[in-house]
Amino acid sequence: MAHAPQIKIPATYMRGGTSKGVFFSLQNLPEVAQVPGAARDALLLRVIGSPDPYGKQTDGMGGATSSTSKTVILSKSTQPDHDVDYLFGQVAIDKAFVDWSGNCGNLTAAVGAFAISNGLVDAERIPADGIAVIRIWQANIKKTIVAHVPMSNGEVQETGDFELDGVTFPAAEVQVDFLDPADGDGAMFPTGNLVDELEVPGVGTFEATMINAGIPTIFIKAEAIDYTGAELQDAINGDPKALAMFETIRAYGAVKMGLIQNIDEAAARQHTPKVAFVAPPSDYVSSSGKNITVADIDLQVRALSMGKLHHAMMGTAAVAIGTAAAIPGTLVNLAAGGEARNAVRFGHPSGTLRVGAEASQADGEWVVNKASMSRSARVLMEGWVRVPGDSF
């Protein structure tokens, strides 16, 4: 029996922040995958190695976690005053599903570097030395992001001494600004409230701050679900009942936020919304063995991504944290002490992260003009990725 040979597609494997993924230039994809649809999804699933009932993604480029099961498609921007269009696909591990409903804030840090190195940015926009300011159109959520990419001798500067908790080795710092980060076209607080009562049948009723900023996120108090806020991954991910509880909270929260019409639709929207729990600052030991003290942080935050507790913090969720912390009365702001602020440093399982946000009120509605954080990025491998020719 004849079998289709493998084809090879130009690709780059990159780390961005605390995530990594496979990056493509749109023009290099097979023609049938250059447009949204089943063929594109099937191709990316095969590249990453999903669906994998073993949960390992051994036959693909994925790393069997939500942080490493990611794909990015980039092209010269079709938007005025932008350099590059950025489309993100979160690939499910055990299901044949690619979620296009949100952004990856961590991989955003790598977008500018890839765009520069692959000729997607006009040469006159790139200094030989200094900082290249790259304007990114985030196509999933239709928002502008600005990446400040360091340059040296005409090349992207990837090495440096910037340390990011959740990443083992230092690298060059990339500042990322999320402009008008309220997600999508709706209100920042889709229910109109800073805090709601979220009723979750079979689980309980919780105070919740539900916000569309960076990525739709549901914040609840750690104490309301019998946690301290200082938990590491094993405390959650090794507990099937806890994971089921968080997924149920996520589904009912998604309905209340207007993201889906009924809870059955949540299974087809795994990437958004996120669920996070918050608590006042406390001492703890991070997953790397680093001692974090009350003096180091303003609050504790733990967040789930694709059904598991994240090993650090999703970049888009960090935007939601910074935004909510800047608005007095949200659960995030209250956990951080309740005062007005334009930056917050929070504890996560791998350490700490600082994020800034500028919030103000206009006609009674809260708006955030910009949220900023520093990440890093690095090319891990470049060349071609291979997939069977009949797999998409």
Protein backbone atom coordinates (compact mmCIF):
# COMPACT_ATOMS: atom_id res chain seq x y z
CA MET A 1 0.00 0.00 0.00
CA ALA A 2 1.40 3.40 -1.02
CA HIS A 3 1.76 6.09 1.61
CA ALA A 4 2.12 9.82 1.09
CA PRO A 5 5.67 11.04 1.78
CA GLN A 6 6.43 13.68 4.34
CA ILE A 7 6.53 17.32 3.32
CA LYS A 8 8.71 19.95 4.92
CA ILE A 9 7.58 23.44 5.89
CA PRO A 10 9.89 26.30 6.94
CA ALA A 11 9.42 26.90 10.66
CA THR A 12 11.12 28.28 13.74
CA TYR A 13 10.87 26.85 17.26
CA MET A 14 10.96 29.76 19.72
CA ARG A 15 10.66 30.47 23.39
CA GLY A 16 8.72 33.57 24.32
CA GLY A 17 8.40 34.37 28.02
CA THR A 18 7.54 31.15 29.86
CA SER A 19 6.08 29.47 26.75
CA LYS A 20 7.43 28.03 23.54
CA GLY A 21 5.87 27.23 20.21
CA VAL A 22 6.30 26.65 16.48
CA PHE A 23 6.35 29.87 14.41
CA PHE A 24 5.45 30.08 10.72
CA SER A 25 5.41 32.79 8.09
CA LEU A 26 1.97 32.66 6.50
CA GLN A 27 3.47 32.62 3.00
CA ASN A 28 5.45 29.46 3.81
CA LEU A 29 2.44 27.37 4.76
CA PRO A 30 0.94 25.02 2.15
CA GLU A 31 -1.59 26.97 0.11
CA VAL A 32 -4.59 25.13 1.58
CA ALA A 33 -3.41 26.09 5.10
CA GLN A 34 -2.87 29.77 4.31
CA VAL A 35 -6.55 30.40 5.07
CA PRO A 36 -8.50 29.53 8.24
CA GLY A 37 -10.27 26.21 8.24
CA ALA A 38 -10.07 22.48 8.77
CA ALA A 39 -6.91 22.00 6.70
CA ARG A 40 -4.97 24.59 8.68
CA ASP A 41 -6.12 23.11 11.98
CA ALA A 42 -5.25 19.57 10.88
CA LEU A 43 -1.78 20.68 9.81
CA LEU A 44 -1.03 22.40 13.11
CA LEU A 45 -2.38 19.47 15.10
CA ARG A 46 0.00 17.13 13.23
CA VAL A 47 2.94 19.50 13.69
CA ILE A 48 2.40 19.62 17.45
CA GLY A 49 1.52 15.92 17.79
CA SER A 50 -2.14 16.08 18.74
CA PRO A 51 -4.52 14.55 19.53
CA ASP A 52 -2.44 12.25 21.73
CA PRO A 53 -4.37 9.92 24.05
CA TYR A 54 -1.10 9.29 25.88
CA GLY A 55 -0.83 13.01 26.67
CA LYS A 56 2.85 13.20 25.68
CA GLN A 57 2.86 14.63 22.12
CA THR A 58 5.81 12.32 21.41
CA ASP A 59 5.15 12.34 17.64
CA GLY A 60 5.23 16.11 17.32
CA MET A 61 6.80 19.34 18.48
CA GLY A 62 4.54 19.87 21.50
CA GLY A 63 5.84 19.54 25.03
CA ALA A 64 2.70 18.03 26.60
CA THR A 65 1.77 21.16 28.57
CA SER A 66 -0.42 24.14 27.74
CA SER A 67 2.74 26.30 27.73
CA THR A 68 4.41 24.22 25.02
CA SER A 69 1.47 23.22 22.78
CA LYS A 70 1.35 26.43 20.80
CA THR A 71 1.55 27.68 17.22
CA VAL A 72 2.02 31.13 15.70
CA ILE A 73 1.37 32.37 12.15
CA LEU A 74 2.87 35.74 11.16
CA SER A 75 2.63 37.92 8.07
CA LYS A 76 3.31 41.47 6.96
CA SER A 77 0.55 43.56 8.46
CA THR A 78 -2.55 44.44 6.51
CA GLN A 79 -3.39 47.09 9.12
CA PRO A 80 -2.32 50.74 8.83
CA ASP A 81 0.62 51.74 11.05
CA HIS A 82 1.43 48.14 12.02
CA ASP A 83 4.41 46.00 11.11
CA VAL A 84 3.20 42.43 11.52
CA ASP A 85 -0.05 40.48 11.89
CA TYR A 86 0.12 37.86 14.65
CA LEU A 87 -2.27 34.91 14.81
CA PHE A 88 -2.04 32.47 17.74
CA GLY A 89 -3.36 28.89 17.86
CA GLN A 90 -3.53 27.02 21.18
CA VAL A 91 -3.38 23.32 20.33
CA ALA A 92 -5.21 20.89 22.61
CA ILE A 93 -3.10 17.94 23.76
CA ASP A 94 -5.58 15.08 23.86
CA LYS A 95 -8.25 16.44 21.51
CA ALA A 96 -8.32 17.31 17.79
CA PHE A 97 -8.88 20.97 18.51
CA VAL A 98 -7.08 24.28 17.90
CA ASP A 99 -8.44 27.20 19.92
CA TRP A 100 -8.22 30.57 18.14
CA SER A 101 -10.22 32.51 20.75
CA GLY A 102 -7.39 34.39 22.46
CA ASN A 103 -3.81 35.60 22.48
CA CYS A 104 -0.65 34.19 24.06
CA GLY A 105 1.02 37.04 25.90
CA ASN A 106 4.22 35.11 26.52
CA LEU A 107 4.81 34.23 22.85
CA THR A 108 4.08 37.86 21.99
CA ALA A 109 7.59 38.58 23.25
CA ALA A 110 8.99 36.47 20.39
CA VAL A 111 6.81 37.92 17.62
CA GLY A 112 8.90 41.03 17.02
CA ALA A 113 12.15 39.09 16.89
CA PHE A 114 10.74 36.55 14.41
CA ALA A 115 9.25 39.32 12.26
CA ILE A 116 12.56 41.18 12.07
CA SER A 117 14.64 38.08 11.34
CA ASN A 118 12.26 36.83 8.66
CA GLY A 119 11.88 40.02 6.66
CA LEU A 120 8.36 40.89 7.75
CA VAL A 121 9.34 44.38 8.99
CA ASP A 122 10.44 47.14 6.61
CA ALA A 123 14.21 47.61 6.86
CA GLU A 124 13.95 51.34 7.55
CA ARG A 125 12.01 50.55 10.73
CA ILE A 126 14.90 48.58 12.21
CA PRO A 127 17.94 50.28 13.78
CA ALA A 128 21.31 48.54 13.55
CA ASP A 129 21.78 49.12 17.27
CA GLY A 130 19.37 50.07 20.03
CA ILE A 131 15.68 49.22 20.27
CA ALA A 132 13.40 48.31 17.38
CA VAL A 133 9.82 49.34 18.20
CA ILE A 134 7.59 46.79 16.46
CA ARG A 135 3.86 47.41 16.20
CA ILE A 136 2.00 44.11 16.24
CA TRP A 137 -1.62 43.54 15.20
CA GLN A 138 -2.94 40.70 17.39
CA ALA A 139 -5.41 39.17 14.95
CA ASN A 140 -7.19 36.87 17.43
CA ILE A 141 -8.43 39.74 19.60
CA LYS A 142 -7.91 42.64 17.18
CA LYS A 143 -5.63 44.65 19.44
CA THR A 144 -2.32 46.51 19.09
CA ILE A 145 0.76 45.34 20.96
CA VAL A 146 4.12 47.10 20.88
CA ALA A 147 7.29 45.05 21.35
CA HIS A 148 10.60 46.75 22.14
CA VAL A 149 13.20 44.44 20.60
CA PRO A 150 16.91 45.01 21.35
CA MET A 151 19.21 45.12 18.31
CA SER A 152 22.97 44.73 18.02
CA ASN A 153 25.00 45.02 14.80
CA GLY A 154 21.87 44.71 12.71
CA GLU A 155 20.71 41.50 14.39
CA VAL A 156 18.15 40.79 17.09
CA GLN A 157 19.93 40.68 20.45
CA GLU A 158 18.73 37.52 22.21
CA THR A 159 21.35 37.02 24.91
CA GLY A 160 21.54 39.14 28.04
CA ASP A 161 21.27 39.17 31.81
CA PHE A 162 17.52 39.68 32.23
CA GLU A 163 16.09 36.98 34.49
CA LEU A 164 12.47 35.86 34.30
CA ASP A 165 11.03 33.55 36.94
CA GLY A 166 9.84 30.40 35.21
CA VAL A 167 12.72 30.49 32.68
CA THR A 168 15.98 28.79 33.66
CA PHE A 169 18.51 30.94 31.82
CA PRO A 170 18.86 34.74 31.46
CA ALA A 171 18.34 36.47 28.11
CA ALA A 172 17.79 39.94 26.63
CA GLU A 173 14.86 41.93 28.01
CA VAL A 174 11.92 42.62 25.69
CA GLN A 175 9.38 45.15 26.97
CA VAL A 176 5.86 44.44 25.72
CA ASP A 177 3.08 47.05 25.81
CA PHE A 178 -0.53 45.91 25.41
CA LEU A 179 -2.48 48.95 24.18
CA ASP A 180 -6.15 49.27 25.15
CA PRO A 181 -6.00 45.69 26.47
CA ALA A 182 -9.73 45.23 27.11
CA ASP A 183 -10.36 42.04 25.14
CA GLY A 184 -12.55 42.17 22.05
CA ASP A 185 -15.33 44.66 21.41
CA GLY A 186 -17.24 44.30 24.68
CA ALA A 187 -16.94 46.06 28.02
CA MET A 188 -13.96 45.46 30.27
CA PHE A 189 -16.38 44.18 32.92
CA PRO A 190 -19.01 42.35 30.84
CA THR A 191 -21.52 42.09 33.70
CA GLY A 192 -21.12 45.77 34.56
CA ASN A 193 -19.82 44.90 38.02
CA LEU A 194 -16.36 44.87 39.59
CA VAL A 195 -17.47 41.92 41.75
CA ASP A 196 -20.29 39.47 41.05
CA GLU A 197 -21.85 36.54 42.83
CA LEU A 198 -21.06 33.57 40.61
CA GLU A 199 -23.33 30.60 41.27
CA VAL A 200 -21.78 27.28 40.24
CA PRO A 201 -24.21 24.36 40.70
CA GLY A 202 -22.68 21.50 42.63
CA VAL A 203 -19.71 23.64 43.67
CA GLY A 204 -20.94 26.77 45.43
CA THR A 205 -21.49 30.49 45.06
CA PHE A 206 -18.40 32.68 44.95
CA GLU A 207 -17.49 36.32 44.73
CA ALA A 208 -15.84 36.78 41.34
CA THR A 209 -14.22 39.56 39.35
CA MET A 210 -14.78 38.81 35.67
CA ILE A 211 -12.71 40.96 33.36
CA ASN A 212 -11.93 41.21 29.66
CA ALA A 213 -8.36 42.56 29.61
CA GLY A 214 -5.47 40.78 27.97
CA ILE A 215 -7.63 37.68 28.00
CA PRO A 216 -11.07 37.03 29.56
CA THR A 217 -10.36 35.98 33.15
CA ILE A 218 -12.42 34.92 36.16
CA PHE A 219 -10.82 35.82 39.50
CA ILE A 220 -12.01 34.22 42.74
CA LYS A 221 -10.65 34.25 46.28
CA ALA A 222 -8.34 31.38 47.22
CA GLU A 223 -9.98 31.04 50.64
CA ALA A 224 -13.40 30.56 49.04
CA ILE A 225 -12.20 27.26 47.54
CA ASP A 226 -10.07 26.22 50.53
CA TYR A 227 -6.69 27.22 49.13
CA THR A 228 -4.05 29.61 50.48
CA GLY A 229 -2.96 31.10 47.16
CA ALA A 230 0.60 29.81 47.64
CA GLU A 231 -0.01 26.42 45.96
CA LEU A 232 2.38 24.91 43.43
CA GLN A 233 1.36 22.81 40.42
CA ASP A 234 1.19 19.40 42.09
CA ALA A 235 -1.33 20.60 44.66
CA ILE A 236 -3.84 21.26 41.88
CA ASN A 237 -2.82 19.19 38.88
CA GLY A 238 -2.57 16.00 40.94
CA ASP A 239 -6.15 16.40 42.17
CA PRO A 240 -8.77 15.37 39.56
CA LYS A 241 -11.60 16.68 41.73
CA ALA A 242 -9.96 20.11 41.93
CA LEU A 243 -9.45 20.23 38.15
CA ALA A 244 -13.08 19.27 37.58
CA MET A 245 -14.16 22.00 40.01
CA PHE A 246 -12.13 24.66 38.21
CA GLU A 247 -13.48 23.57 34.83
CA THR A 248 -17.04 23.83 36.14
CA ILE A 249 -16.33 27.31 37.53
CA ARG A 250 -14.82 28.27 34.17
CA ALA A 251 -17.86 27.04 32.23
CA TYR A 252 -20.41 28.90 34.36
CA GLY A 253 -18.23 32.00 34.41
CA ALA A 254 -17.98 31.91 30.62
CA VAL A 255 -21.77 31.93 30.39
CA LYS A 256 -22.06 34.83 32.83
CA MET A 257 -19.44 36.77 30.84
CA GLY A 258 -21.43 36.22 27.65
CA LEU A 259 -18.62 34.29 25.96
CA ILE A 260 -20.85 31.23 25.43
CA GLN A 261 -24.60 30.62 25.58
CA ASN A 262 -24.57 27.45 27.67
CA ILE A 263 -22.02 25.44 29.63
CA ASP A 264 -21.85 22.67 27.01
CA GLU A 265 -20.05 25.09 24.70
CA ALA A 266 -17.12 25.47 27.13
CA ALA A 267 -15.45 22.29 25.85
CA ALA A 268 -15.00 23.92 22.44
CA ARG A 269 -13.50 27.06 23.97
CA GLN A 270 -10.70 25.72 26.13
CA HIS A 271 -8.27 28.64 25.84
CA THR A 272 -10.67 31.26 27.21
CA PRO A 273 -11.72 32.33 29.73
CA LYS A 274 -8.98 31.69 32.27
CA VAL A 275 -9.70 30.96 35.94
CA ALA A 276 -7.41 32.39 38.62
CA PHE A 277 -7.50 32.54 42.40
CA VAL A 278 -6.02 35.34 44.46
CA ALA A 279 -4.89 35.88 48.04
CA PRO A 280 -2.97 38.48 50.08
CA PRO A 281 0.83 38.11 50.06
CA SER A 282 2.43 35.28 52.01
CA ASP A 283 5.80 33.57 52.34
CA TYR A 284 6.33 30.50 50.16
CA VAL A 285 8.98 28.49 48.35
CA SER A 286 8.71 28.57 44.55
CA SER A 287 8.98 25.52 42.32
CA SER A 288 12.68 26.31 41.74
CA GLY A 289 13.35 26.40 45.50
CA LYS A 290 13.50 30.19 45.67
CA ASN A 291 12.21 31.73 48.91
CA ILE A 292 9.53 34.36 48.23
CA THR A 293 8.63 36.59 51.17
CA VAL A 294 5.70 38.87 51.93
CA ALA A 295 8.00 41.82 51.27
CA ASP A 296 8.64 40.61 47.70
CA ILE A 297 5.04 40.66 46.46
CA ASP A 298 1.77 42.58 46.64
CA LEU A 299 -0.46 39.50 46.33
CA GLN A 300 -0.57 35.83 45.34
CA VAL A 301 -2.15 34.65 42.07
CA ARG A 302 -2.50 31.16 40.65
CA ALA A 303 -4.08 30.62 37.23
CA LEU A 304 -5.21 27.65 35.17
CA SER A 305 -4.61 27.24 31.45
CA MET A 306 -6.12 24.50 29.29
CA GLY A 307 -7.38 22.69 32.38
CA LYS A 308 -4.15 22.69 34.41
CA LEU A 309 -2.48 25.05 36.88
CA HIS A 310 0.12 27.05 34.97
CA HIS A 311 3.74 26.61 36.05
CA ALA A 312 4.25 30.39 36.12
CA MET A 313 1.78 32.91 34.67
CA MET A 314 0.31 33.36 31.21
CA GLY A 315 1.30 36.75 29.81
CA THR A 316 -2.27 37.63 28.88
CA ALA A 317 -3.46 36.69 32.37
CA ALA A 318 -0.72 38.92 33.78
CA VAL A 319 -2.29 41.77 31.79
CA ALA A 320 -5.65 40.92 33.36
CA ILE A 321 -4.00 40.88 36.81
CA GLY A 322 -2.30 44.24 36.30
CA THR A 323 -5.47 45.79 34.93
CA ALA A 324 -7.69 44.48 37.72
CA ALA A 325 -5.13 45.49 40.35
CA ALA A 326 -5.25 49.07 39.05
CA ILE A 327 -9.02 49.32 39.58
CA PRO A 328 -10.11 49.80 43.21
CA GLY A 329 -12.72 47.32 44.38
CA THR A 330 -11.84 44.29 42.26
CA LEU A 331 -10.86 41.11 44.08
CA VAL A 332 -7.35 41.46 42.68
CA ASN A 333 -7.03 45.02 43.94
CA LEU A 334 -8.41 44.09 47.35
CA ALA A 335 -5.99 41.16 47.70
CA ALA A 336 -3.17 43.60 46.95
CA GLY A 337 -4.27 45.93 49.76
CA GLY A 338 -7.04 47.93 48.14
CA GLU A 339 -5.23 51.16 47.33
CA ALA A 340 -4.95 52.77 43.90
CA ARG A 341 -1.85 51.59 42.04
CA ASN A 342 -0.30 51.61 38.57
CA ALA A 343 1.86 48.51 38.99
CA VAL A 344 1.71 45.29 40.94
CA ARG A 345 4.15 42.48 41.71
CA PHE A 346 2.48 39.14 42.28
CA GLY A 347 3.64 35.71 43.34
CA HIS A 348 3.12 32.70 41.05
CA PRO A 349 4.34 29.10 41.30
CA SER A 350 7.73 29.85 39.71
CA GLY A 351 8.42 33.15 41.48
CA THR A 352 7.28 36.73 40.94
CA LEU A 353 6.27 39.01 38.09
CA ARG A 354 5.72 42.76 37.89
CA VAL A 355 3.12 44.22 35.53
CA GLY A 356 2.04 47.83 35.14
CA ALA A 357 -1.29 49.25 34.00
CA GLU A 358 -2.73 52.74 33.57
CA ALA A 359 -6.44 52.79 34.49
CA SER A 360 -8.93 55.66 34.46
CA GLN A 361 -12.68 56.23 34.35
CA ALA A 362 -14.50 57.73 31.38
CA ASP A 363 -18.26 58.29 31.50
CA GLY A 364 -18.49 55.95 34.45
CA GLU A 365 -16.67 53.12 32.66
CA TRP A 366 -13.19 51.91 33.55
CA VAL A 367 -10.66 51.99 30.73
CA VAL A 368 -7.02 50.95 30.64
CA ASN A 369 -4.84 52.64 28.06
CA LYS A 370 -1.85 50.34 28.38
CA ALA A 371 -0.50 47.39 30.32
CA SER A 372 3.22 46.63 30.24
CA MET A 373 5.58 43.89 31.30
CA SER A 374 9.07 42.65 30.51
CA ARG A 375 9.69 39.22 29.02
CA SER A 376 12.45 37.62 26.95
CA ALA A 377 12.60 35.47 23.84
CA ARG A 378 15.01 33.21 22.01
CA VAL A 379 15.19 31.10 18.87
CA LEU A 380 15.64 27.46 19.88
CA MET A 381 15.76 25.87 16.42
CA GLU A 382 15.04 26.89 12.87
CA GLY A 383 14.73 25.06 9.60
CA TRP A 384 11.83 22.85 8.52
CA VAL A 385 9.15 20.94 10.33
CA ARG A 386 8.00 17.73 8.63
CA VAL A 387 4.51 16.22 8.50
CA PRO A 388 2.97 13.39 6.45
CA GLY A 389 1.63 14.88 3.25
CA ASP A 390 -1.82 13.39 3.71
CA SER A 391 -2.32 14.62 7.28
CA PHE A 392 -4.18 17.84 6.42
